[in-house]
Amino acid sequence: MSEILHFIQSTPTKDPLIIGTLLVFSLIVGSFFNVVIHRLSQQMEGVSSKELSTTKPAKSFCPNCKKELSWKENIPLISYIIQLGRCTGCKKDISWRYPAVELTSVIITASVWNLSPSVGSAILGIFFLDVLLLTAVIDAKTKKIPNKLTVPGTVILLAAAFIPLAEGSNLAIDQGKTALIGAVGCFILMWGLAELGKRLFGKKKVVLKKPQAFLWENGTLKIQDAPEIPVEESEAMSGADLGFARPSDRLIIQGDIIQNKAEGMEEKLSEVIISPHESGKIHGSMKTITFPREAMGMGDAKLLLFAGAAMGFLPAIHGLVAGTLAALVGVMAMRVYAIAKKGNAPGLIAFGPWIAIGCAGVWIYNAMCTSCAG
């Protein structure tokens, strides 16, 4: 035990052979991250974990043609370059995201190892930034933040915070308190912001230019194509697709409506309020529809919970502010680009990647300041 503690508290070696081995290992880990990103994203979009998980199927495969990849096609970065970014089976382009994630994993490892005062802090720093990377990419793809990453990640960071990463037991107690206060404080703050946003912006009303036929049956809403309704809200929708994030959420439809009652009875209505568990059949012609929505998802709160456990309360809040400013600049740039190209302005954006960018930036800045001061 003393040997392990001594290793954790030791200064990261600058030996070129060890650093080179570490970077190669991080490249392999980055390749595995791509597997996690793809399969967790699929699970969050409805694919059963029994059918697809991080370990099943055991071999990697092309997401387009499902061809199993040989070891030659699975070499991080090199295979992508040799194959000119295309699958050898279906010849379709492989997303640039794959080499980008692998390269980012190497950059994270190299940067954190160089900036950290001890091996233990380097391990935690790499773990923190790697989870931010995974979360950001998955949220960008699915608009959802996986609890499978943030919740266990928070538990690991809180437990590790009480291990002395440098000499002195009192230091470990201080680190543990900082992590605990940071995690709890950040979650309460984000929960409060989510509740406030729900009360201020919790509904989205769409007024149609002309009435559109609709059908609600077995928890699913089908709407005849309406240009005013976003694509994701103009097809068959159910559950979270309709914004039913809370038991209190309701869908409000106004128009000429018929609601089927028990024993074959029908009731004509001008407005109907539908709960997420409404099992009856409702149909007719809608003039307006009001969707429930969240200003901020609880996934964002859990992401900042994770950041608070790693950084402490104030640095995590600084990361949130930095991420928010970056998001504002990014959205403005996308709108200007859309106007210039006469395209559609961006709609719903994932906030998680911006939080991750802000927190990663603050963590690296603080680590650089500490390294220079040391």
Protein backbone atom coordinates (compact mmCIF):
# COMPACT_ATOMS: atom_id res chain seq x y z
CA MET A 1 0.00 0.00 0.00
CA SER A 2 2.80 2.41 0.85
CA GLU A 3 4.44 1.70 -2.52
CA ILE A 4 1.20 2.53 -4.33
CA LEU A 5 0.78 5.74 -2.35
CA HIS A 6 4.37 6.70 -3.07
CA PHE A 7 3.79 6.13 -6.79
CA ILE A 8 0.62 8.26 -6.74
CA GLN A 9 2.45 11.10 -5.01
CA SER A 10 5.54 10.93 -7.26
CA THR A 11 6.25 13.47 -10.00
CA PRO A 12 5.33 12.32 -13.54
CA THR A 13 8.42 11.01 -15.30
CA LYS A 14 9.81 12.78 -18.35
CA ASP A 15 11.45 9.61 -19.71
CA PRO A 16 10.85 9.62 -23.52
CA LEU A 17 10.25 5.84 -23.64
CA ILE A 18 7.58 5.94 -20.91
CA ILE A 19 5.92 9.03 -22.36
CA GLY A 20 5.91 7.45 -25.84
CA THR A 21 4.34 4.28 -24.45
CA LEU A 22 1.75 6.36 -22.61
CA LEU A 23 0.82 8.25 -25.79
CA VAL A 24 0.48 5.04 -27.83
CA PHE A 25 -1.74 3.65 -25.09
CA SER A 26 -3.88 6.81 -25.14
CA LEU A 27 -4.24 6.44 -28.92
CA ILE A 28 -5.58 2.90 -28.42
CA VAL A 29 -7.89 4.17 -25.69
CA GLY A 30 -9.11 6.87 -28.10
CA SER A 31 -10.02 4.14 -30.57
CA PHE A 32 -12.04 2.44 -27.85
CA PHE A 33 -13.72 5.77 -27.09
CA ASN A 34 -15.13 5.73 -30.63
CA VAL A 35 -16.73 2.37 -29.86
CA VAL A 36 -18.23 3.76 -26.66
CA ILE A 37 -19.51 6.88 -28.42
CA HIS A 38 -21.21 4.95 -31.20
CA ARG A 39 -22.75 2.26 -29.02
CA LEU A 40 -23.87 4.51 -26.17
CA SER A 41 -25.41 6.89 -28.72
CA GLN A 42 -27.32 3.98 -30.25
CA GLN A 43 -28.56 2.93 -26.82
CA MET A 44 -29.75 6.45 -26.06
CA GLU A 45 -31.66 6.45 -29.35
CA GLY A 46 -33.54 3.28 -28.42
CA VAL A 47 -31.30 0.30 -29.26
CA SER A 48 -31.37 -2.33 -26.52
CA SER A 49 -28.20 -2.76 -24.47
CA LYS A 50 -28.67 -6.52 -24.89
CA GLU A 51 -28.35 -6.05 -28.63
CA LEU A 52 -25.52 -3.50 -28.58
CA SER A 53 -23.17 -2.62 -25.71
CA THR A 54 -19.56 -1.58 -25.24
CA THR A 55 -18.58 -5.27 -25.18
CA LYS A 56 -21.17 -6.80 -27.52
CA PRO A 57 -20.45 -7.49 -30.31
CA ALA A 58 -16.81 -8.02 -29.36
CA LYS A 59 -15.38 -6.86 -32.69
CA SER A 60 -15.69 -3.38 -34.16
CA PHE A 61 -17.79 -2.99 -37.29
CA CYS A 62 -18.65 -0.41 -39.93
CA PRO A 63 -21.79 1.48 -38.82
CA ASN A 64 -22.96 1.64 -42.46
CA CYS A 65 -22.54 -1.88 -43.86
CA LYS A 66 -21.96 -3.70 -40.51
CA LYS A 67 -18.76 -5.32 -41.86
CA GLU A 68 -16.50 -6.59 -39.06
CA LEU A 69 -13.18 -4.79 -39.08
CA SER A 70 -9.91 -6.72 -39.28
CA TRP A 71 -6.92 -5.68 -37.19
CA LYS A 72 -5.49 -3.90 -40.25
CA GLU A 73 -8.63 -1.75 -40.43
CA ASN A 74 -8.58 -1.04 -36.72
CA ILE A 75 -5.21 0.66 -36.22
CA PRO A 76 -5.87 4.10 -34.69
CA LEU A 77 -5.26 7.00 -37.11
CA ILE A 78 -3.13 4.87 -39.45
CA SER A 79 -6.01 2.79 -40.84
CA TYR A 80 -8.02 5.96 -41.50
CA ILE A 81 -5.14 7.48 -43.45
CA ILE A 82 -4.35 4.30 -45.43
CA GLN A 83 -8.01 3.77 -46.33
CA LEU A 84 -8.36 7.46 -47.29
CA GLY A 85 -11.19 7.81 -44.81
CA ARG A 86 -13.39 5.13 -46.43
CA CYS A 87 -14.70 1.73 -45.41
CA THR A 88 -13.07 -1.11 -47.38
CA GLY A 89 -16.45 -2.84 -47.56
CA CYS A 90 -19.15 -0.34 -48.57
CA LYS A 91 -16.66 2.36 -49.68
CA LYS A 92 -18.62 5.00 -47.78
CA ASP A 93 -16.82 7.81 -45.98
CA ILE A 94 -15.79 7.21 -42.40
CA SER A 95 -16.67 10.17 -40.19
CA TRP A 96 -13.79 12.54 -39.43
CA ARG A 97 -14.93 12.23 -35.83
CA TYR A 98 -13.08 8.91 -35.45
CA PRO A 99 -9.52 10.19 -36.00
CA ALA A 100 -10.41 13.46 -34.24
CA VAL A 101 -11.41 11.61 -31.04
CA GLU A 102 -8.27 9.45 -31.18
CA LEU A 103 -6.02 12.46 -31.68
CA THR A 104 -7.80 14.43 -28.94
CA SER A 105 -7.23 11.54 -26.53
CA VAL A 106 -3.47 11.76 -27.21
CA ILE A 107 -3.45 15.55 -26.78
CA ILE A 108 -5.32 15.26 -23.45
CA THR A 109 -2.87 12.68 -22.12
CA ALA A 110 0.23 14.61 -23.23
CA SER A 111 -1.05 17.94 -21.88
CA VAL A 112 -2.25 16.64 -18.51
CA TRP A 113 0.86 14.53 -17.93
CA ASN A 114 3.06 17.55 -18.59
CA LEU A 115 1.04 19.92 -16.38
CA SER A 116 0.32 17.68 -13.39
CA PRO A 117 2.42 17.85 -10.19
CA SER A 118 1.92 14.15 -9.39
CA VAL A 119 1.04 10.88 -11.09
CA GLY A 120 -2.21 10.66 -9.12
CA SER A 121 -3.39 14.10 -10.18
CA ALA A 122 -2.42 13.28 -13.78
CA ILE A 123 -4.54 10.12 -13.76
CA LEU A 124 -7.55 12.01 -12.39
CA GLY A 125 -7.02 14.87 -14.83
CA ILE A 126 -6.88 12.52 -17.82
CA PHE A 127 -9.97 10.69 -16.55
CA PHE A 128 -11.87 13.98 -16.11
CA LEU A 129 -11.05 15.39 -19.55
CA ASP A 130 -11.64 12.04 -21.27
CA VAL A 131 -15.15 11.78 -19.80
CA LEU A 132 -15.80 15.37 -20.90
CA LEU A 133 -14.70 14.39 -24.41
CA LEU A 134 -17.02 11.36 -24.51
CA THR A 135 -19.95 13.30 -23.08
CA ALA A 136 -19.52 16.21 -25.49
CA VAL A 137 -19.45 14.03 -28.60
CA ILE A 138 -22.42 11.89 -27.50
CA ASP A 139 -24.49 14.95 -26.58
CA ALA A 140 -23.66 16.59 -29.91
CA LYS A 141 -24.92 13.44 -31.69
CA THR A 142 -28.02 12.66 -29.63
CA LYS A 143 -28.87 15.84 -27.67
CA LYS A 144 -28.66 13.62 -24.59
CA ILE A 145 -26.01 13.25 -21.88
CA PRO A 146 -25.49 9.65 -20.71
CA ASN A 147 -25.87 9.06 -16.97
CA LYS A 148 -23.64 6.01 -17.49
CA LEU A 149 -20.69 8.41 -17.78
CA THR A 150 -21.42 11.35 -15.49
CA VAL A 151 -22.88 9.56 -12.45
CA PRO A 152 -20.21 6.82 -12.03
CA GLY A 153 -17.57 9.41 -12.99
CA THR A 154 -18.70 11.66 -10.14
CA VAL A 155 -18.56 8.77 -7.65
CA ILE A 156 -15.02 7.89 -8.78
CA LEU A 157 -13.82 11.48 -8.48
CA LEU A 158 -15.37 11.97 -5.04
CA ALA A 159 -13.81 8.74 -3.77
CA ALA A 160 -10.42 9.61 -5.27
CA ALA A 161 -10.53 13.12 -3.79
CA PHE A 162 -9.90 11.68 -0.32
CA ILE A 163 -6.69 9.94 -1.46
CA PRO A 164 -3.60 12.07 -0.73
CA LEU A 165 -2.18 12.90 -4.16
CA ALA A 166 0.68 14.72 -2.49
CA GLU A 167 2.35 14.31 0.88
CA GLY A 168 0.20 15.26 3.85
CA SER A 169 -3.05 13.69 5.04
CA ASN A 170 -4.69 17.06 5.76
CA LEU A 171 -4.36 17.89 2.07
CA ALA A 172 -6.48 14.88 1.16
CA ILE A 173 -9.21 15.97 3.59
CA ASP A 174 -9.21 19.46 2.06
CA GLN A 175 -9.39 17.99 -1.46
CA GLY A 176 -12.29 15.76 -0.42
CA LYS A 177 -14.23 18.68 1.05
CA THR A 178 -13.60 20.77 -2.07
CA ALA A 179 -14.82 17.98 -4.35
CA LEU A 180 -17.92 17.28 -2.27
CA ILE A 181 -18.91 20.95 -1.96
CA GLY A 182 -18.21 21.47 -5.66
CA ALA A 183 -20.35 18.53 -6.76
CA VAL A 184 -23.31 19.28 -4.48
CA GLY A 185 -23.17 23.04 -5.04
CA CYS A 186 -23.01 22.73 -8.83
CA PHE A 187 -25.90 20.27 -8.97
CA ILE A 188 -28.14 22.43 -6.78
CA LEU A 189 -27.34 25.50 -8.88
CA MET A 190 -28.05 23.73 -12.18
CA TRP A 191 -31.22 22.15 -10.79
CA GLY A 192 -32.41 25.62 -9.78
CA LEU A 193 -31.62 27.03 -13.23
CA ALA A 194 -33.46 24.13 -14.88
CA GLU A 195 -36.53 24.72 -12.69
CA LEU A 196 -36.46 28.46 -13.38
CA GLY A 197 -36.06 27.88 -17.10
CA LYS A 198 -38.97 25.43 -17.07
CA ARG A 199 -41.25 28.01 -15.47
CA LEU A 200 -40.19 30.79 -17.84
CA PHE A 201 -39.77 28.87 -21.11
CA GLY A 202 -41.50 25.55 -20.43
CA LYS A 203 -43.90 25.64 -23.37
CA LYS A 204 -43.57 26.02 -27.12
CA LYS A 205 -46.76 26.98 -28.97
CA VAL A 206 -47.01 26.45 -32.73
CA VAL A 207 -49.85 28.16 -34.64
CA LEU A 208 -50.49 26.42 -37.97
CA LYS A 209 -51.29 28.40 -41.12
CA LYS A 210 -53.99 25.88 -41.92
CA PRO A 211 -55.51 23.04 -39.87
CA GLN A 212 -53.69 19.72 -40.00
CA ALA A 213 -55.02 16.24 -39.36
CA PHE A 214 -53.58 14.45 -36.33
CA LEU A 215 -53.94 11.21 -34.43
CA TRP A 216 -52.95 10.38 -30.84
CA GLU A 217 -53.03 6.67 -30.10
CA ASN A 218 -51.14 4.41 -27.69
CA GLY A 219 -48.83 7.19 -26.54
CA THR A 220 -47.82 8.23 -30.07
CA LEU A 221 -48.72 11.39 -31.97
CA LYS A 222 -48.94 11.45 -35.77
CA ILE A 223 -49.29 14.77 -37.55
CA GLN A 224 -49.95 15.47 -41.20
CA ASP A 225 -46.92 17.30 -42.61
CA ALA A 226 -46.86 20.93 -41.46
CA PRO A 227 -44.04 23.32 -42.47
CA GLU A 228 -44.38 25.28 -39.21
CA ILE A 229 -43.50 22.24 -37.11
CA PRO A 230 -39.84 21.16 -37.01
CA VAL A 231 -39.04 17.90 -38.80
CA GLU A 232 -38.58 16.00 -35.55
CA GLU A 233 -42.06 17.12 -34.50
CA SER A 234 -43.93 16.47 -37.78
CA GLU A 235 -43.65 12.69 -37.95
CA ALA A 236 -44.67 9.92 -35.56
CA MET A 237 -43.54 11.00 -32.10
CA SER A 238 -43.73 9.45 -28.67
CA GLY A 239 -42.37 9.85 -25.15
CA ALA A 240 -39.35 12.13 -24.82
CA ASP A 241 -39.67 13.13 -28.53
CA LEU A 242 -42.67 15.18 -27.45
CA GLY A 243 -40.84 16.78 -24.56
CA PHE A 244 -42.44 14.66 -21.83
CA ALA A 245 -39.45 14.98 -19.51
CA ARG A 246 -41.56 15.19 -16.34
CA PRO A 247 -44.78 13.50 -15.14
CA SER A 248 -46.43 16.94 -14.97
CA ASP A 249 -45.76 17.74 -18.64
CA ARG A 250 -48.77 18.00 -20.95
CA LEU A 251 -49.38 18.34 -24.69
CA ILE A 252 -52.09 20.90 -25.57
CA ILE A 253 -53.93 20.73 -28.91
CA GLN A 254 -56.60 23.19 -30.10
CA GLY A 255 -58.90 22.70 -33.08
CA ASP A 256 -61.76 20.41 -34.07
CA ILE A 257 -61.07 17.38 -31.91
CA ILE A 258 -62.75 14.05 -31.26
CA GLN A 259 -61.81 12.05 -28.18
CA ASN A 260 -62.90 8.42 -27.99
CA LYS A 261 -64.43 7.50 -24.66
CA ALA A 262 -65.27 4.16 -23.09
CA GLU A 263 -68.02 2.00 -24.60
CA GLY A 264 -67.62 3.54 -28.06
CA MET A 265 -68.66 7.04 -26.99
CA GLU A 266 -67.08 10.09 -28.62
CA GLU A 267 -66.70 13.64 -27.34
CA LYS A 268 -66.18 16.70 -29.51
CA LEU A 269 -63.73 19.24 -28.09
CA SER A 270 -62.05 22.51 -29.08
CA GLU A 271 -59.06 21.82 -26.84
CA VAL A 272 -57.53 18.70 -25.39
CA ILE A 273 -54.75 18.38 -22.80
CA ILE A 274 -52.81 15.13 -23.22
CA SER A 275 -50.68 13.55 -20.51
CA PRO A 276 -47.70 11.31 -21.38
CA HIS A 277 -49.68 8.25 -20.23
CA GLU A 278 -52.91 9.02 -22.11
CA SER A 279 -53.92 5.68 -23.62
CA GLY A 280 -57.10 6.67 -25.43
CA LYS A 281 -57.56 7.59 -29.09
CA ILE A 282 -57.77 11.29 -29.94
CA HIS A 283 -57.99 12.59 -33.51
CA GLY A 284 -59.27 15.44 -35.61
CA SER A 285 -57.91 18.66 -37.05
CA MET A 286 -55.45 20.82 -35.09
CA LYS A 287 -55.03 24.58 -35.35
CA THR A 288 -52.43 25.02 -32.61
CA ILE A 289 -50.21 22.66 -30.66
CA THR A 290 -48.24 23.46 -27.51
CA PHE A 291 -45.26 21.23 -26.73
CA PRO A 292 -43.74 20.91 -23.24
CA ARG A 293 -40.03 21.57 -23.24
CA GLU A 294 -37.04 21.98 -20.96
CA ALA A 295 -34.87 25.09 -21.03
CA MET A 296 -32.06 22.93 -19.70
CA GLY A 297 -31.96 19.17 -19.27
CA MET A 298 -30.96 17.45 -16.03
CA GLY A 299 -28.16 15.83 -18.02
CA ASP A 300 -26.47 19.24 -18.04
CA ALA A 301 -26.88 19.41 -14.25
CA LYS A 302 -25.24 16.01 -13.84
CA LEU A 303 -22.41 17.06 -16.15
CA LEU A 304 -21.67 20.09 -13.98
CA LEU A 305 -22.02 17.86 -10.91
CA PHE A 306 -19.20 15.79 -12.42
CA ALA A 307 -17.15 18.94 -13.15
CA GLY A 308 -17.68 20.22 -9.60
CA ALA A 309 -16.33 16.96 -8.18
CA ALA A 310 -13.20 17.35 -10.32
CA MET A 311 -12.57 21.09 -10.05
CA GLY A 312 -14.42 22.46 -7.06
CA PHE A 313 -17.40 24.82 -7.05
CA LEU A 314 -15.98 28.13 -8.31
CA PRO A 315 -13.77 26.69 -11.09
CA ALA A 316 -16.73 24.63 -12.34
CA ILE A 317 -18.93 27.74 -12.36
CA HIS A 318 -16.19 29.57 -14.27
CA GLY A 319 -16.28 26.69 -16.74
CA LEU A 320 -20.07 27.01 -17.04
CA VAL A 321 -19.79 30.75 -17.73
CA ALA A 322 -17.00 30.20 -20.26
CA GLY A 323 -19.03 27.47 -21.98
CA THR A 324 -22.13 29.68 -22.08
CA LEU A 325 -20.20 32.53 -23.69
CA ALA A 326 -18.66 30.12 -26.19
CA ALA A 327 -22.14 28.76 -26.99
CA LEU A 328 -23.49 32.28 -27.61
CA VAL A 329 -20.62 33.06 -29.97
CA GLY A 330 -21.04 29.70 -31.71
CA VAL A 331 -24.80 30.11 -32.21
CA MET A 332 -24.35 33.67 -33.51
CA ALA A 333 -21.71 32.44 -35.98
CA MET A 334 -24.04 29.63 -37.15
CA ARG A 335 -26.88 32.12 -37.64
CA VAL A 336 -24.69 34.50 -39.64
CA TYR A 337 -23.49 31.57 -41.76
CA ALA A 338 -27.10 30.44 -42.31
CA ILE A 339 -28.16 33.93 -43.36
CA ALA A 340 -25.20 34.22 -45.75
CA LYS A 341 -26.03 30.83 -47.32
CA LYS A 342 -29.79 31.53 -47.19
CA GLY A 343 -30.29 28.38 -45.19
CA ASN A 344 -32.12 27.51 -41.99
CA ALA A 345 -30.86 28.95 -38.73
CA PRO A 346 -29.85 26.36 -36.13
CA GLY A 347 -32.68 25.10 -33.93
CA LEU A 348 -32.18 23.16 -30.73
CA ILE A 349 -28.48 22.88 -29.84
CA ALA A 350 -26.80 20.61 -27.34
CA PHE A 351 -25.44 22.60 -24.38
CA GLY A 352 -23.32 19.75 -23.02
CA PRO A 353 -20.44 20.16 -25.50
CA TRP A 354 -20.16 23.84 -24.60
CA ILE A 355 -20.11 23.08 -20.87
CA ALA A 356 -17.41 20.48 -21.55
CA ILE A 357 -15.35 22.95 -23.59
CA GLY A 358 -15.66 25.64 -20.91
CA CYS A 359 -14.75 23.32 -18.02
CA ALA A 360 -11.86 21.75 -19.94
CA GLY A 361 -10.52 25.20 -20.78
CA VAL A 362 -10.70 26.38 -17.17
CA TRP A 363 -9.10 23.14 -15.91
CA ILE A 364 -6.18 23.48 -18.35
CA TYR A 365 -5.75 27.20 -17.57
CA ASN A 366 -5.66 26.54 -13.82
CA ALA A 367 -3.24 23.63 -14.31
CA MET A 368 -0.94 25.86 -16.39
CA CYS A 369 -1.02 28.57 -13.71
CA THR A 370 -0.22 26.04 -10.99
CA SER A 371 2.57 24.51 -13.07
CA CYS A 372 4.16 27.91 -13.74
CA ALA A 373 3.86 28.92 -10.09
CA GLY A 374 5.51 25.65 -9.06
